Amino acid sequence: MKGLMSKFHRLLSVFWEGVSAFRRFIGNILFLALIIFFISIFFLDRDRSVPDGSALIFSPFGNIVEQKKETVLSNQLLGDIATEETLLKDIIDVIDYAKDDHRIKALVLDLRNMRGAGPSKLQDIGAALNRFKDSGKIIIACGDYFNQRQYYLAAHADKIYISPMGGVILNGYGLYRAYYKSALEKLRVQFHVFKVGTYKSALEPFLRDDMSEEAKESNLAWLNVLWGAYKADVAALRGLDPSSIDDYINNIPAHLAKAQGDTAALALNHGLVDGLKTRDEVRQEMIGLVGEDEDSGTYKQIDFYDYLNINRPFLKRIRPNRPKVAIIVAKGIILDGDQPAGTIGGDSLADLIRQARENDKIKSVVLRIDSGGGSAFASEIIRRELELTSRSGKPVIVSMGSIAASGGYWIASAADEIWASPTTITGSIGIFGAFATFEKSLASLGIHSDGVGTTKLADAFDPSRPINPLVKDVMQQVIEQGYRLFIQRVAHGRNMAPE
């Protein structure tokens, strides 16, 4: 028995030594791979990755945003495997890199995977495309079809091609919402609203079955501005009359009948595209323009993301002793506390602003806002940090993206200067609060709430009970004070009278 245990012990020792050796071997391999990785970053010749005289494929993916949303599956460790977004800055950087790159001869707009993009973002990209053309290089837009956002960018091309079975889908701008008043009545849900002002219409869907005349007037005003800008830009790029774009949309049944139901011919007849080409015909034209890549059997090209990685340094040079401008992005709904990227947290964004203020090397702050608003309390936390930064002697500049409304404007009001794009949606200076109670819904099911409390507010905000009259009074007073505060903040920040 003793000999058997000894043999087992020796066998276990040999096995463990083998495991340890294998672990060291794997560790050394991984360490060596890491060394090779960093050597490749610093010493490989990046010029070899871009074929001389090639075409850059501009292929944004998903929504075009000021800042990507950070989720569990989208971070620096795992990459953007859970999001479909492309940074506006990356797009503009790539186009501007290519403009001055002797290796890039042409830009191909492949927009099939592009989804949402605000009007101001489209205009920013369009300006970069114009700079590319001004350098003497050609832009080709090709696709099976183009939707309205895609076509705005395609219109900047020297040549626009669609498939013979494709088309250009334009439909203008609209705002249509679902309204729930009748549904809430059927469900016996009591919706309690506290607001100030006529044009703060965000809560109308819970109070009406249709859009109020005031809201229609307000919404149509800014929609017409956006649509007018879209038509003016596209018409100028394509040499068309802006009214012809309205005619293309409003009379499409008659125009399509003349084209015998051929949507591609319809786009060609109205001057929206320059030709109808299949994918292989476009490929052959591009081979003639930039040459053929013998390995791939197509024209010489480089992908958008590959080109970005080649041109943007892996490790940025910080230069700690040089003065800097802090650029902070405020994108998404404004919420209390700390929030991840792609959402504005009152505490997390305020902390970034405070860090910039306390850093002696940072001489000014630019806050890029792309937000429709949110929490008034969080907005005030952020605004206060901007105010303190301005008082410290560091200029604070707000740059507005596609939208900077409500809480987004509350934040902006503390800036020394506010800059908006021509198509920025901004303003909406108002405040509201709301919550629902379900006492009648529950009663219809035979469920009732009853009890006792030590004060008149013991049942405040209990959704199973009717709204407490004291709560109604308090909420309305709080909302009215919030509105007065908002007006005061804007009036002070913009040197205007509250009236």
Protein backbone atom coordinates (compact mmCIF):
# COMPACT_ATOMS: atom_id res chain seq x y z
CA MET A 1 0.00 0.00 0.00
CA LYS A 2 2.86 2.30 0.88
CA GLY A 3 4.53 1.63 -2.51
CA LEU A 4 1.29 2.31 -4.34
CA MET A 5 0.93 5.70 -2.64
CA SER A 6 4.53 6.54 -3.50
CA LYS A 7 3.94 5.75 -7.18
CA PHE A 8 0.77 7.83 -7.17
CA HIS A 9 2.67 10.72 -5.59
CA ARG A 10 5.44 10.53 -8.25
CA LEU A 11 2.81 10.35 -11.02
CA LEU A 12 1.02 13.39 -9.59
CA SER A 13 4.32 15.29 -9.34
CA VAL A 14 5.20 14.53 -12.98
CA PHE A 15 1.71 15.59 -14.08
CA TRP A 16 1.90 18.87 -12.14
CA GLU A 17 5.38 19.62 -13.49
CA GLY A 18 3.99 19.10 -16.99
CA VAL A 19 1.10 21.47 -16.29
CA SER A 20 3.53 24.07 -14.91
CA ALA A 21 5.80 23.75 -17.95
CA PHE A 22 2.83 24.10 -20.30
CA ARG A 23 1.64 27.17 -18.39
CA ARG A 24 5.08 28.78 -18.67
CA PHE A 25 5.20 27.92 -22.36
CA ILE A 26 1.81 29.51 -23.05
CA GLY A 27 2.75 32.55 -20.95
CA ASN A 28 5.97 33.02 -22.92
CA ILE A 29 4.11 32.69 -26.24
CA LEU A 30 1.58 35.32 -25.19
CA PHE A 31 4.33 37.62 -23.94
CA LEU A 32 6.24 37.22 -27.21
CA ALA A 33 3.06 37.91 -29.21
CA LEU A 34 2.52 41.09 -27.19
CA ILE A 35 6.08 42.25 -27.90
CA ILE A 36 5.62 41.57 -31.63
CA PHE A 37 2.31 43.47 -31.56
CA PHE A 38 3.88 46.59 -30.10
CA ILE A 39 6.89 46.38 -32.42
CA SER A 40 4.53 46.20 -35.41
CA ILE A 41 2.71 49.30 -34.15
CA PHE A 42 5.83 51.40 -33.84
CA PHE A 43 8.05 50.13 -36.64
CA LEU A 44 6.00 48.81 -39.55
CA ASP A 45 5.85 51.11 -42.55
CA ARG A 46 2.25 52.23 -42.75
CA ASP A 47 2.65 53.67 -46.25
CA ARG A 48 2.71 50.13 -47.65
CA SER A 49 -0.86 49.55 -46.51
CA VAL A 50 -2.32 52.17 -48.89
CA PRO A 51 -2.02 51.29 -52.60
CA ASP A 52 -0.69 54.25 -54.57
CA GLY A 53 -3.38 55.94 -56.65
CA SER A 54 -6.19 53.99 -55.01
CA ALA A 55 -9.80 54.80 -54.15
CA LEU A 56 -10.91 55.33 -50.58
CA ILE A 57 -14.19 53.55 -49.84
CA PHE A 58 -16.26 55.84 -47.64
CA SER A 59 -18.57 53.38 -45.90
CA PRO A 60 -20.03 54.64 -42.60
CA PHE A 61 -21.87 52.01 -40.60
CA GLY A 62 -25.06 52.52 -38.61
CA ASN A 63 -25.96 55.86 -37.06
CA ILE A 64 -23.60 58.82 -37.33
CA VAL A 65 -23.08 60.20 -33.83
CA GLU A 66 -21.06 62.71 -31.84
CA GLN A 67 -20.20 60.05 -29.26
CA LYS A 68 -20.71 56.29 -29.27
CA LYS A 69 -22.89 54.66 -26.67
CA GLU A 70 -20.94 52.61 -24.18
CA THR A 71 -22.58 49.32 -23.26
CA VAL A 72 -21.51 46.07 -21.62
CA LEU A 73 -20.49 44.74 -25.05
CA SER A 74 -19.12 48.02 -26.37
CA ASN A 75 -16.03 49.25 -24.60
CA GLN A 76 -12.29 49.59 -25.04
CA LEU A 77 -11.68 45.94 -24.18
CA LEU A 78 -14.31 44.21 -26.32
CA GLY A 79 -14.63 46.76 -29.12
CA ASP A 80 -17.81 47.98 -30.78
CA ILE A 81 -19.40 44.59 -31.23
CA ALA A 82 -22.76 45.62 -29.81
CA THR A 83 -23.23 49.00 -31.47
CA GLU A 84 -23.84 50.19 -35.00
CA GLU A 85 -22.49 53.72 -34.88
CA THR A 86 -19.84 55.78 -36.65
CA LEU A 87 -18.29 58.85 -35.09
CA LEU A 88 -18.81 62.10 -36.98
CA LYS A 89 -15.24 63.12 -36.12
CA ASP A 90 -13.85 59.89 -37.60
CA ILE A 91 -15.69 60.57 -40.86
CA ILE A 92 -14.45 64.13 -41.16
CA ASP A 93 -10.91 63.12 -40.20
CA VAL A 94 -10.81 60.37 -42.84
CA ILE A 95 -12.02 62.68 -45.62
CA ASP A 96 -9.56 65.41 -44.62
CA TYR A 97 -6.69 62.91 -44.37
CA ALA A 98 -7.50 61.64 -47.87
CA LYS A 99 -7.77 65.15 -49.30
CA ASP A 100 -4.05 65.72 -48.76
CA ASP A 101 -2.90 62.11 -49.31
CA HIS A 102 -1.12 61.66 -52.66
CA ARG A 103 -1.90 57.93 -52.51
CA ILE A 104 -5.66 58.55 -52.66
CA LYS A 105 -6.95 59.42 -56.13
CA ALA A 106 -10.71 59.14 -55.64
CA LEU A 107 -13.41 58.74 -53.01
CA VAL A 108 -16.21 56.19 -53.45
CA LEU A 109 -19.38 56.78 -51.44
CA ASP A 110 -20.74 53.39 -50.39
CA LEU A 111 -23.66 54.42 -48.21
CA ARG A 112 -25.70 51.22 -48.05
CA ASN A 113 -24.97 50.62 -44.34
CA MET A 114 -25.49 54.21 -43.23
CA ARG A 115 -28.64 54.72 -41.16
CA GLY A 116 -29.51 57.75 -39.04
CA ALA A 117 -27.78 61.13 -39.20
CA GLY A 118 -29.04 64.55 -38.13
CA PRO A 119 -29.17 67.36 -40.72
CA SER A 120 -26.28 69.27 -39.14
CA LYS A 121 -24.10 66.15 -39.23
CA LEU A 122 -24.91 65.65 -42.92
CA GLN A 123 -23.93 69.26 -43.58
CA ASP A 124 -20.65 68.84 -41.68
CA ILE A 125 -19.80 65.76 -43.76
CA GLY A 126 -20.89 67.57 -46.92
CA ALA A 127 -18.48 70.40 -46.14
CA ALA A 128 -15.64 67.86 -45.80
CA LEU A 129 -16.64 66.28 -49.13
CA ASN A 130 -16.51 69.70 -50.77
CA ARG A 131 -13.01 70.22 -49.39
CA PHE A 132 -12.02 66.88 -50.91
CA LYS A 133 -13.36 67.93 -54.31
CA ASP A 134 -11.63 71.29 -54.06
CA SER A 135 -8.31 69.42 -53.86
CA GLY A 136 -8.92 68.27 -57.44
CA LYS A 137 -9.91 64.69 -56.62
CA ILE A 138 -13.04 62.92 -57.82
CA ILE A 139 -15.98 61.54 -55.82
CA ILE A 140 -18.15 58.69 -57.12
CA ALA A 141 -21.40 57.72 -55.38
CA CYS A 142 -22.83 54.30 -56.21
CA GLY A 143 -25.54 52.19 -54.71
CA ASP A 144 -28.55 50.02 -55.37
CA TYR A 145 -30.74 52.88 -54.16
CA PHE A 146 -30.43 55.92 -51.89
CA ASN A 147 -32.71 57.00 -49.08
CA GLN A 148 -33.05 60.66 -48.17
CA ARG A 149 -30.08 60.86 -45.79
CA GLN A 150 -27.84 58.82 -48.06
CA TYR A 151 -28.78 60.89 -51.08
CA TYR A 152 -27.80 64.15 -49.38
CA LEU A 153 -24.21 62.89 -49.19
CA ALA A 154 -24.37 61.26 -52.63
CA ALA A 155 -25.38 64.63 -54.11
CA HIS A 156 -21.86 65.90 -53.33
CA ALA A 157 -20.35 63.38 -55.77
CA ASP A 158 -19.08 64.21 -59.24
CA LYS A 159 -21.00 61.18 -60.52
CA ILE A 160 -23.97 59.38 -58.99
CA TYR A 161 -24.84 55.86 -60.15
CA ILE A 162 -27.69 53.62 -59.05
CA SER A 163 -28.67 50.14 -60.09
CA PRO A 164 -31.02 49.84 -63.10
CA MET A 165 -33.44 48.33 -60.57
CA GLY A 166 -32.77 50.98 -57.93
CA GLY A 167 -34.14 54.40 -57.13
CA VAL A 168 -33.89 57.54 -54.98
CA ILE A 169 -36.34 57.64 -52.09
CA LEU A 170 -37.15 61.19 -50.95
CA ASN A 171 -40.07 61.95 -48.66
CA GLY A 172 -39.39 65.25 -46.87
CA TYR A 173 -39.45 65.81 -43.11
CA GLY A 174 -42.35 65.06 -40.81
CA LEU A 175 -43.19 64.61 -37.17
CA TYR A 176 -45.94 62.13 -36.36
CA ARG A 177 -46.57 60.77 -32.88
CA ALA A 178 -48.88 58.27 -31.23
CA TYR A 179 -51.52 59.77 -28.93
CA TYR A 180 -52.85 57.83 -25.94
CA LYS A 181 -55.64 59.84 -24.29
CA SER A 182 -58.47 57.50 -25.36
CA ALA A 183 -56.40 54.42 -24.54
CA LEU A 184 -55.59 55.77 -21.07
CA GLU A 185 -59.29 56.48 -20.52
CA LYS A 186 -60.20 52.92 -21.51
CA LEU A 187 -57.52 51.60 -19.17
CA ARG A 188 -58.71 54.10 -16.54
CA VAL A 189 -55.15 55.38 -16.02
CA GLN A 190 -54.99 58.83 -14.41
CA PHE A 191 -52.16 60.86 -15.93
CA HIS A 192 -51.20 63.95 -13.93
CA VAL A 193 -49.31 66.72 -15.71
CA PHE A 194 -47.58 69.81 -14.36
CA LYS A 195 -46.25 72.27 -16.91
CA VAL A 196 -45.77 75.91 -17.85
CA GLY A 197 -46.21 77.46 -21.28
CA THR A 198 -48.10 76.68 -24.48
CA TYR A 199 -45.39 75.27 -26.72
CA LYS A 200 -43.93 72.67 -24.36
CA SER A 201 -45.85 69.92 -26.14
CA ALA A 202 -43.86 66.86 -25.10
CA LEU A 203 -46.74 65.62 -22.95
CA GLU A 204 -49.51 66.11 -25.49
CA PRO A 205 -49.63 62.40 -26.44
CA PHE A 206 -50.90 61.64 -22.92
CA LEU A 207 -53.43 64.48 -22.85
CA ARG A 208 -54.89 64.48 -26.35
CA ASP A 209 -55.75 62.25 -29.28
CA ASP A 210 -54.20 64.64 -31.79
CA MET A 211 -51.55 67.34 -32.11
CA SER A 212 -52.63 70.77 -30.89
CA GLU A 213 -52.71 73.68 -33.32
CA GLU A 214 -49.93 75.39 -31.33
CA ALA A 215 -47.73 72.32 -31.61
CA LYS A 216 -48.48 71.98 -35.34
CA GLU A 217 -47.51 75.60 -35.91
CA SER A 218 -44.30 75.25 -33.92
CA ASN A 219 -43.26 71.90 -35.41
CA LEU A 220 -44.03 72.88 -38.99
CA ALA A 221 -41.94 76.03 -38.58
CA TRP A 222 -38.72 74.16 -37.79
CA LEU A 223 -39.48 71.27 -40.15
CA ASN A 224 -39.79 73.77 -43.00
CA VAL A 225 -36.41 75.25 -42.07
CA LEU A 226 -34.77 71.82 -42.20
CA TRP A 227 -36.48 70.83 -45.43
CA GLY A 228 -35.67 74.17 -47.04
CA ALA A 229 -31.99 73.69 -46.16
CA TYR A 230 -32.02 70.14 -47.53
CA LYS A 231 -33.60 71.20 -50.84
CA ALA A 232 -31.33 74.22 -51.22
CA ASP A 233 -28.16 72.19 -50.68
CA VAL A 234 -29.15 69.30 -52.96
CA ALA A 235 -30.48 71.59 -55.69
CA ALA A 236 -27.28 73.64 -55.72
CA LEU A 237 -25.12 70.51 -55.89
CA ARG A 238 -27.17 68.95 -58.70
CA GLY A 239 -27.97 72.13 -60.65
CA LEU A 240 -31.69 71.80 -59.99
CA ASP A 241 -34.50 74.11 -58.93
CA PRO A 242 -35.44 73.42 -55.29
CA SER A 243 -39.11 73.27 -56.30
CA SER A 244 -38.32 70.32 -58.57
CA ILE A 245 -37.54 68.22 -55.50
CA ASP A 246 -41.00 68.93 -54.06
CA ASP A 247 -42.47 68.13 -57.46
CA TYR A 248 -40.57 64.81 -57.56
CA ILE A 249 -42.14 63.81 -54.25
CA ASN A 250 -45.64 65.29 -54.41
CA ASN A 251 -46.38 64.17 -57.95
CA ILE A 252 -44.52 60.86 -57.91
CA PRO A 253 -47.48 58.72 -59.11
CA ALA A 254 -47.78 60.74 -62.32
CA HIS A 255 -44.02 60.93 -62.87
CA LEU A 256 -43.63 57.21 -62.20
CA ALA A 257 -46.39 56.43 -64.69
CA LYS A 258 -44.47 58.33 -67.37
CA ALA A 259 -41.42 56.20 -66.52
CA GLN A 260 -43.61 53.06 -66.79
CA GLY A 261 -43.08 52.26 -63.13
CA ASP A 262 -39.26 52.34 -63.44
CA THR A 263 -37.97 54.07 -60.28
CA ALA A 264 -34.37 54.16 -61.55
CA ALA A 265 -35.43 55.84 -64.79
CA LEU A 266 -37.53 58.27 -62.75
CA ALA A 267 -34.46 59.37 -60.75
CA LEU A 268 -32.43 59.68 -63.96
CA ASN A 269 -35.13 61.69 -65.74
CA HIS A 270 -35.28 64.19 -62.88
CA GLY A 271 -31.52 64.72 -62.76
CA LEU A 272 -31.05 63.10 -59.39
CA VAL A 273 -28.49 60.60 -60.75
CA ASP A 274 -26.04 60.57 -63.64
CA GLY A 275 -26.35 57.00 -64.77
CA LEU A 276 -27.79 53.55 -64.23
CA LYS A 277 -25.02 51.02 -63.73
CA THR A 278 -24.81 47.50 -62.35
CA ARG A 279 -22.22 46.73 -59.70
CA ASP A 280 -19.83 45.17 -62.22
CA GLU A 281 -20.16 48.19 -64.52
CA VAL A 282 -19.25 50.51 -61.65
CA ARG A 283 -16.32 48.23 -60.82
CA GLN A 284 -15.04 48.40 -64.40
CA GLU A 285 -15.33 52.18 -64.46
CA MET A 286 -13.34 52.42 -61.25
CA ILE A 287 -10.66 50.09 -62.62
CA GLY A 288 -10.33 52.47 -65.52
CA LEU A 289 -10.02 55.38 -63.12
CA VAL A 290 -7.60 54.06 -60.47
CA GLY A 291 -6.32 50.78 -61.87
CA GLU A 292 -6.83 47.13 -60.99
CA ASP A 293 -5.71 45.29 -57.90
CA GLU A 294 -4.55 41.98 -59.36
CA ASP A 295 -4.81 40.17 -56.03
CA SER A 296 -8.46 41.02 -55.41
CA GLY A 297 -9.65 41.26 -59.00
CA THR A 298 -11.26 44.65 -58.41
CA TYR A 299 -10.08 48.26 -58.44
CA LYS A 300 -7.34 49.50 -56.11
CA GLN A 301 -9.01 50.54 -52.90
CA ILE A 302 -8.78 50.88 -49.15
CA ASP A 303 -11.60 50.62 -46.64
CA PHE A 304 -12.75 53.55 -44.49
CA TYR A 305 -11.84 51.92 -41.16
CA ASP A 306 -8.51 50.56 -42.40
CA TYR A 307 -7.57 54.00 -43.66
CA LEU A 308 -8.58 55.60 -40.37
CA ASN A 309 -6.44 53.15 -38.37
CA ILE A 310 -3.46 53.74 -40.65
CA ASN A 311 -3.59 57.52 -40.41
CA ARG A 312 -4.61 58.01 -36.80
CA PRO A 313 -1.75 57.36 -34.34
CA PHE A 314 -2.23 54.37 -32.05
CA LEU A 315 -0.70 56.33 -29.19
CA LYS A 316 -1.47 60.04 -29.21
CA ARG A 317 1.25 62.50 -28.30
CA ILE A 318 0.06 64.24 -25.15
CA ARG A 319 2.81 66.90 -24.94
CA PRO A 320 2.04 67.63 -21.27
CA ASN A 321 3.84 70.97 -21.16
CA ARG A 322 1.90 72.60 -24.00
CA PRO A 323 -1.34 74.57 -23.47
CA LYS A 324 -4.51 72.85 -24.64
CA VAL A 325 -8.20 73.25 -25.38
CA ALA A 326 -10.46 70.73 -23.64
CA ILE A 327 -13.15 69.32 -25.96
CA ILE A 328 -15.96 67.67 -23.99
CA VAL A 329 -18.89 65.91 -25.64
CA ALA A 330 -22.39 66.03 -24.11
CA LYS A 331 -24.47 63.59 -26.15
CA GLY A 332 -27.78 61.95 -25.32
CA ILE A 333 -30.45 62.33 -22.66
CA ILE A 334 -29.46 64.20 -19.50
CA LEU A 335 -29.74 62.03 -16.38
CA ASP A 336 -28.78 62.39 -12.74
CA GLY A 337 -25.58 60.87 -11.37
CA ASP A 338 -22.77 59.13 -13.27
CA GLN A 339 -23.67 57.86 -16.73
CA PRO A 340 -21.72 55.97 -19.46
CA ALA A 341 -20.62 57.49 -22.75
CA GLY A 342 -23.50 58.22 -25.12
CA THR A 343 -25.59 59.51 -22.20
CA ILE A 344 -25.11 62.72 -20.21
CA GLY A 345 -24.67 62.25 -16.48
CA GLY A 346 -25.02 65.33 -14.30
CA ASP A 347 -22.18 64.22 -12.01
CA SER A 348 -19.93 62.57 -14.60
CA LEU A 349 -20.04 65.48 -17.07
CA ALA A 350 -19.66 68.06 -14.29
CA ASP A 351 -16.57 66.16 -13.11
CA LEU A 352 -14.99 66.37 -16.58
CA ILE A 353 -15.61 70.12 -16.70
CA ARG A 354 -14.16 70.53 -13.21
CA GLN A 355 -11.04 68.59 -14.19
CA ALA A 356 -10.57 70.88 -17.18
CA ARG A 357 -10.98 73.96 -14.99
CA GLU A 358 -8.45 72.78 -12.43
CA ASN A 359 -5.86 71.76 -15.04
CA ASP A 360 -3.49 74.71 -15.54
CA LYS A 361 -2.46 73.46 -18.97
CA ILE A 362 -6.05 73.70 -20.28
CA LYS A 363 -6.71 77.29 -21.38
CA SER A 364 -10.31 76.99 -22.62
CA VAL A 365 -13.21 74.55 -22.83
CA VAL A 366 -15.35 73.62 -25.83
CA LEU A 367 -18.53 71.74 -24.95
CA ARG A 368 -20.13 69.94 -27.90
CA ILE A 369 -23.84 69.45 -27.15
CA ASP A 370 -26.10 67.01 -28.99
CA SER A 371 -29.03 66.54 -26.63
CA GLY A 372 -32.77 67.06 -26.48
CA GLY A 373 -32.66 67.58 -22.72
CA GLY A 374 -33.61 65.61 -19.64
CA SER A 375 -33.22 66.19 -15.90
CA ALA A 376 -33.39 69.86 -14.87
CA PHE A 377 -31.39 69.10 -11.70
CA ALA A 378 -28.58 67.38 -13.63
CA SER A 379 -28.61 70.23 -16.17
CA GLU A 380 -28.09 72.76 -13.38
CA ILE A 381 -25.21 70.74 -11.91
CA ILE A 382 -23.48 70.86 -15.29
CA ARG A 383 -24.35 74.51 -15.96
CA ARG A 384 -22.87 75.54 -12.62
CA GLU A 385 -19.53 73.90 -13.43
CA LEU A 386 -19.45 75.74 -16.77
CA GLU A 387 -20.25 79.01 -14.99
CA LEU A 388 -17.40 78.46 -12.51
CA THR A 389 -15.05 77.63 -15.38
CA SER A 390 -15.96 80.85 -17.17
CA ARG A 391 -15.48 82.84 -13.96
CA SER A 392 -12.03 81.29 -13.54
CA GLY A 393 -10.92 83.11 -16.67
CA LYS A 394 -11.06 80.18 -19.05
CA PRO A 395 -13.30 80.84 -22.06
CA VAL A 396 -16.21 78.41 -22.37
CA ILE A 397 -17.55 77.82 -25.87
CA VAL A 398 -20.63 75.73 -26.66
CA SER A 399 -20.81 74.07 -30.07
CA MET A 400 -24.26 72.70 -30.87
CA GLY A 401 -24.79 69.58 -32.97
CA SER A 402 -28.09 68.43 -34.46
CA ILE A 403 -30.05 69.29 -31.31
CA ALA A 404 -29.46 71.29 -28.15
CA ALA A 405 -32.90 71.82 -26.68
CA SER A 406 -34.52 72.13 -23.26
CA GLY A 407 -31.94 70.83 -20.76
CA GLY A 408 -29.37 70.97 -23.54
CA TYR A 409 -29.95 74.71 -23.75
CA TRP A 410 -30.00 75.06 -19.95
CA ILE A 411 -26.42 73.76 -19.99
CA ALA A 412 -25.40 76.02 -22.88
CA SER A 413 -26.68 79.19 -21.17
CA ALA A 414 -23.52 79.49 -19.04
CA ALA A 415 -21.14 79.62 -22.01
CA ASP A 416 -19.26 82.74 -23.07
CA GLU A 417 -20.24 81.99 -26.68
CA ILE A 418 -22.78 79.63 -28.24
CA TRP A 419 -22.41 78.44 -31.82
CA ALA A 420 -25.11 76.49 -33.67
CA SER A 421 -25.24 74.93 -37.11
CA PRO A 422 -27.81 76.36 -39.55
CA THR A 423 -29.92 73.24 -38.99
CA THR A 424 -29.44 72.85 -35.24
CA ILE A 425 -32.73 72.37 -33.39
CA THR A 426 -32.41 74.48 -30.25
CA GLY A 427 -34.49 76.40 -27.73
CA SER A 428 -37.52 74.68 -26.16
CA ILE A 429 -37.08 76.70 -22.98
CA GLY A 430 -39.67 75.13 -20.71
CA ILE A 431 -40.15 72.57 -17.99
CA PHE A 432 -42.71 69.94 -17.02
CA GLY A 433 -43.36 67.01 -14.72
CA ALA A 434 -45.79 64.10 -14.89
CA PHE A 435 -46.69 60.78 -13.36
CA ALA A 436 -49.55 58.29 -13.57
CA THR A 437 -51.77 56.75 -10.92
CA PHE A 438 -53.71 53.51 -11.41
CA GLU A 439 -56.38 53.57 -8.69
CA LYS A 440 -59.26 53.39 -11.20
CA SER A 441 -57.52 50.70 -13.28
CA LEU A 442 -57.05 48.58 -10.17
CA ALA A 443 -60.60 49.25 -8.97
CA SER A 444 -61.95 47.89 -12.24
CA LEU A 445 -60.18 44.65 -11.34
CA GLY A 446 -61.53 44.67 -7.83
CA ILE A 447 -58.32 45.89 -6.22
CA HIS A 448 -58.48 48.79 -3.75
CA SER A 449 -55.88 50.63 -1.67
CA ASP A 450 -56.59 51.84 1.87
CA GLY A 451 -54.65 52.55 5.06
CA VAL A 452 -53.41 55.22 7.44
CA GLY A 453 -50.41 57.54 7.65
CA THR A 454 -48.83 59.90 10.18
CA THR A 455 -48.95 62.97 7.87
CA LYS A 456 -50.97 64.31 4.98
CA LEU A 457 -48.18 63.31 2.58
CA ALA A 458 -47.73 59.71 3.74
CA ASP A 459 -49.27 58.38 0.54
CA ALA A 460 -47.47 60.82 -1.79
CA PHE A 461 -46.55 59.28 -5.17
CA ASP A 462 -48.22 55.97 -4.40
CA PRO A 463 -49.45 54.92 -7.88
CA SER A 464 -52.19 52.72 -6.42
CA ARG A 465 -53.94 55.71 -4.82
CA PRO A 466 -55.54 58.90 -6.18
CA ILE A 467 -53.14 61.81 -6.40
CA ASN A 468 -52.78 63.63 -3.11
CA PRO A 469 -54.14 67.23 -3.42
CA LEU A 470 -51.10 68.53 -1.52
CA VAL A 471 -48.81 66.81 -4.01
CA LYS A 472 -50.64 68.51 -6.91
CA ASP A 473 -50.18 71.90 -5.31
CA VAL A 474 -46.51 71.30 -4.47
CA MET A 475 -45.66 69.88 -7.91
CA GLN A 476 -47.20 72.81 -9.77
CA GLN A 477 -45.33 75.32 -7.60
CA VAL A 478 -42.06 73.45 -8.11
CA ILE A 479 -42.56 73.35 -11.89
CA GLU A 480 -43.36 77.06 -12.03
CA GLN A 481 -40.25 77.86 -9.99
CA GLY A 482 -38.19 75.64 -12.27
CA TYR A 483 -39.49 77.54 -15.28
CA ARG A 484 -38.67 80.89 -13.67
CA LEU A 485 -35.19 79.61 -12.88
CA PHE A 486 -34.69 78.42 -16.46
CA ILE A 487 -35.70 81.83 -17.81
CA GLN A 488 -33.41 83.58 -15.31
CA ARG A 489 -30.47 81.36 -16.24
CA VAL A 490 -30.90 82.06 -19.95
CA ALA A 491 -31.52 85.77 -19.44
CA HIS A 492 -28.38 86.12 -17.31
CA GLY A 493 -26.21 84.01 -19.58
CA ARG A 494 -27.30 85.75 -22.77
CA ASN A 495 -27.53 89.28 -21.32
CA MET A 496 -31.25 89.47 -22.05
CA ALA A 497 -34.28 90.61 -20.06
CA PRO A 498 -36.44 87.76 -18.75
CA GLU A 499 -39.35 89.14 -20.75
